[in-house]
Amino acid sequence: MCSHSGGWSEVGSPGEVQCRRCGVRRFRHYGAVRPVGLPHALVPSASERRAADLAAARQVAFAVGVARWSPPRAHRPR
């Protein structure tokens, strides 16, 4: 494993350098890809979560060989 102690040489376009020992390239002239701060969590809607759960249940039913499967009906209190 190279510690890149051999130094860096400018190669290719400006800002592109290469380790003299192992040849790995590094690019210095661009900003960080990740924006400042933590990423926002994406939370699907209730209907999207239900649809995903039903799709997964259908796949499991298919995988275990259940011939007829229907989604559970919504519980309606009496």
C-alpha atoms as a PDB file:
ATOM      1  CA  MET A   1       0.000   0.000   0.000  1.00  0.00           C
ATOM      2  CA  CYS A   2       1.482   3.326  -1.065  1.00  0.00           C
ATOM      3  CA  SER A   3       1.582   6.248   1.385  1.00  0.00           C
ATOM      4  CA  HIS A   4       2.256   8.623  -1.550  1.00  0.00           C
ATOM      5  CA  SER A   5       5.470   9.738   0.154  1.00  0.00           C
ATOM      6  CA  GLY A   6       7.264   9.859  -3.201  1.00  0.00           C
ATOM      7  CA  GLY A   7       5.594  13.174  -3.986  1.00  0.00           C
ATOM      8  CA  TRP A   8       3.225  14.328  -6.685  1.00  0.00           C
ATOM      9  CA  SER A   9       3.871  15.298 -10.304  1.00  0.00           C
ATOM     10  CA  GLU A  10       1.612  17.526 -12.416  1.00  0.00           C
ATOM     11  CA  VAL A  11       0.116  15.512 -15.295  1.00  0.00           C
ATOM     12  CA  GLY A  12      -2.632  16.064 -17.830  1.00  0.00           C
ATOM     13  CA  SER A  13      -4.915  19.012 -17.168  1.00  0.00           C
ATOM     14  CA  PRO A  14      -4.221  21.688 -14.533  1.00  0.00           C
ATOM     15  CA  GLY A  15      -4.914  20.400 -11.036  1.00  0.00           C
ATOM     16  CA  GLU A  16      -4.336  16.773 -11.970  1.00  0.00           C
ATOM     17  CA  VAL A  17      -1.408  15.228 -10.110  1.00  0.00           C
ATOM     18  CA  GLN A  18       0.047  11.732 -10.034  1.00  0.00           C
ATOM     19  CA  CYS A  19       1.950   9.921  -7.291  1.00  0.00           C
ATOM     20  CA  ARG A  20       5.534   9.366  -8.408  1.00  0.00           C
ATOM     21  CA  ARG A  21       5.681   6.004  -6.617  1.00  0.00           C
ATOM     22  CA  CYS A  22       2.400   4.171  -7.399  1.00  0.00           C
ATOM     23  CA  GLY A  23       0.879   6.256 -10.203  1.00  0.00           C
ATOM     24  CA  VAL A  24      -2.463   7.013  -8.539  1.00  0.00           C
ATOM     25  CA  ARG A  25      -4.021  10.256  -9.815  1.00  0.00           C
ATOM     26  CA  ARG A  26      -5.595  12.986  -7.735  1.00  0.00           C
ATOM     27  CA  PHE A  27      -7.605  16.005  -8.853  1.00  0.00           C
ATOM     28  CA  ARG A  28      -7.241  19.186  -6.808  1.00  0.00           C
ATOM     29  CA  HIS A  29      -9.179  21.875  -8.700  1.00  0.00           C
ATOM     30  CA  TYR A  30     -12.823  21.021  -8.022  1.00  0.00           C
ATOM     31  CA  GLY A  31     -15.123  21.586  -5.079  1.00  0.00           C
ATOM     32  CA  ALA A  32     -16.608  18.945  -2.855  1.00  0.00           C
ATOM     33  CA  VAL A  33     -19.408  16.968  -4.440  1.00  0.00           C
ATOM     34  CA  ARG A  34     -21.456  16.832  -1.257  1.00  0.00           C
ATOM     35  CA  PRO A  35     -23.159  20.086  -0.216  1.00  0.00           C
ATOM     36  CA  VAL A  36     -22.718  21.551   3.240  1.00  0.00           C
ATOM     37  CA  GLY A  37     -24.918  20.041   5.945  1.00  0.00           C
ATOM     38  CA  LEU A  38     -26.614  16.708   6.314  1.00  0.00           C
ATOM     39  CA  PRO A  39     -28.733  15.288   3.500  1.00  0.00           C
ATOM     40  CA  HIS A  40     -32.488  15.518   3.864  1.00  0.00           C
ATOM     41  CA  ALA A  41     -34.337  12.265   4.399  1.00  0.00           C
ATOM     42  CA  LEU A  42     -36.921  11.418   1.761  1.00  0.00           C
ATOM     43  CA  VAL A  43     -40.043   9.935   3.297  1.00  0.00           C
ATOM     44  CA  PRO A  44     -42.582   8.417   0.920  1.00  0.00           C
ATOM     45  CA  SER A  45     -46.268   9.119   1.431  1.00  0.00           C
ATOM     46  CA  ALA A  46     -48.490   6.618   3.239  1.00  0.00           C
ATOM     47  CA  SER A  47     -50.000   5.419  -0.048  1.00  0.00           C
ATOM     48  CA  GLU A  48     -46.525   4.915  -1.555  1.00  0.00           C
ATOM     49  CA  ARG A  49     -45.396   2.947   1.520  1.00  0.00           C
ATOM     50  CA  ARG A  50     -48.510   0.759   1.346  1.00  0.00           C
ATOM     51  CA  ALA A  51     -48.001   0.128  -2.372  1.00  0.00           C
ATOM     52  CA  ALA A  52     -44.374  -0.868  -1.743  1.00  0.00           C
ATOM     53  CA  ASP A  53     -45.407  -3.219   1.086  1.00  0.00           C
ATOM     54  CA  LEU A  54     -48.056  -4.871  -1.100  1.00  0.00           C
ATOM     55  CA  ALA A  55     -45.628  -5.260  -3.997  1.00  0.00           C
ATOM     56  CA  ALA A  56     -43.112  -6.907  -1.669  1.00  0.00           C
ATOM     57  CA  ALA A  57     -45.805  -9.224  -0.249  1.00  0.00           C
ATOM     58  CA  ARG A  58     -46.804 -10.263  -3.769  1.00  0.00           C
ATOM     59  CA  GLN A  59     -43.185 -11.083  -4.586  1.00  0.00           C
ATOM     60  CA  VAL A  60     -42.822 -13.163  -1.422  1.00  0.00           C
ATOM     61  CA  ALA A  61     -46.108 -14.981  -2.141  1.00  0.00           C
ATOM     62  CA  PHE A  62     -44.900 -15.716  -5.665  1.00  0.00           C
ATOM     63  CA  ALA A  63     -41.519 -16.922  -4.393  1.00  0.00           C
ATOM     64  CA  VAL A  64     -43.061 -19.387  -1.915  1.00  0.00           C
ATOM     65  CA  GLY A  65     -45.600 -20.596  -4.455  1.00  0.00           C
ATOM     66  CA  VAL A  66     -48.855 -19.232  -3.077  1.00  0.00           C
ATOM     67  CA  ALA A  67     -51.175 -19.458  -6.066  1.00  0.00           C
ATOM     68  CA  ARG A  68     -53.835 -16.996  -4.954  1.00  0.00           C
ATOM     69  CA  TRP A  69     -52.983 -13.991  -2.898  1.00  0.00           C
ATOM     70  CA  SER A  70     -54.933 -10.849  -2.312  1.00  0.00           C
ATOM     71  CA  PRO A  71     -54.034  -7.849  -0.205  1.00  0.00           C
ATOM     72  CA  PRO A  72     -55.652  -7.553   3.208  1.00  0.00           C
ATOM     73  CA  ARG A  73     -58.747  -5.392   3.367  1.00  0.00           C
ATOM     74  CA  ALA A  74     -58.747  -2.238   5.386  1.00  0.00           C
ATOM     75  CA  HIS A  75     -59.937  -2.805   8.941  1.00  0.00           C
ATOM     76  CA  ARG A  76     -63.279  -1.148   9.533  1.00  0.00           C
ATOM     77  CA  PRO A  77     -64.385  -0.880  13.140  1.00  0.00           C
ATOM     78  CA  ARG A  78     -67.993  -1.924  13.768  1.00  0.00           C
END
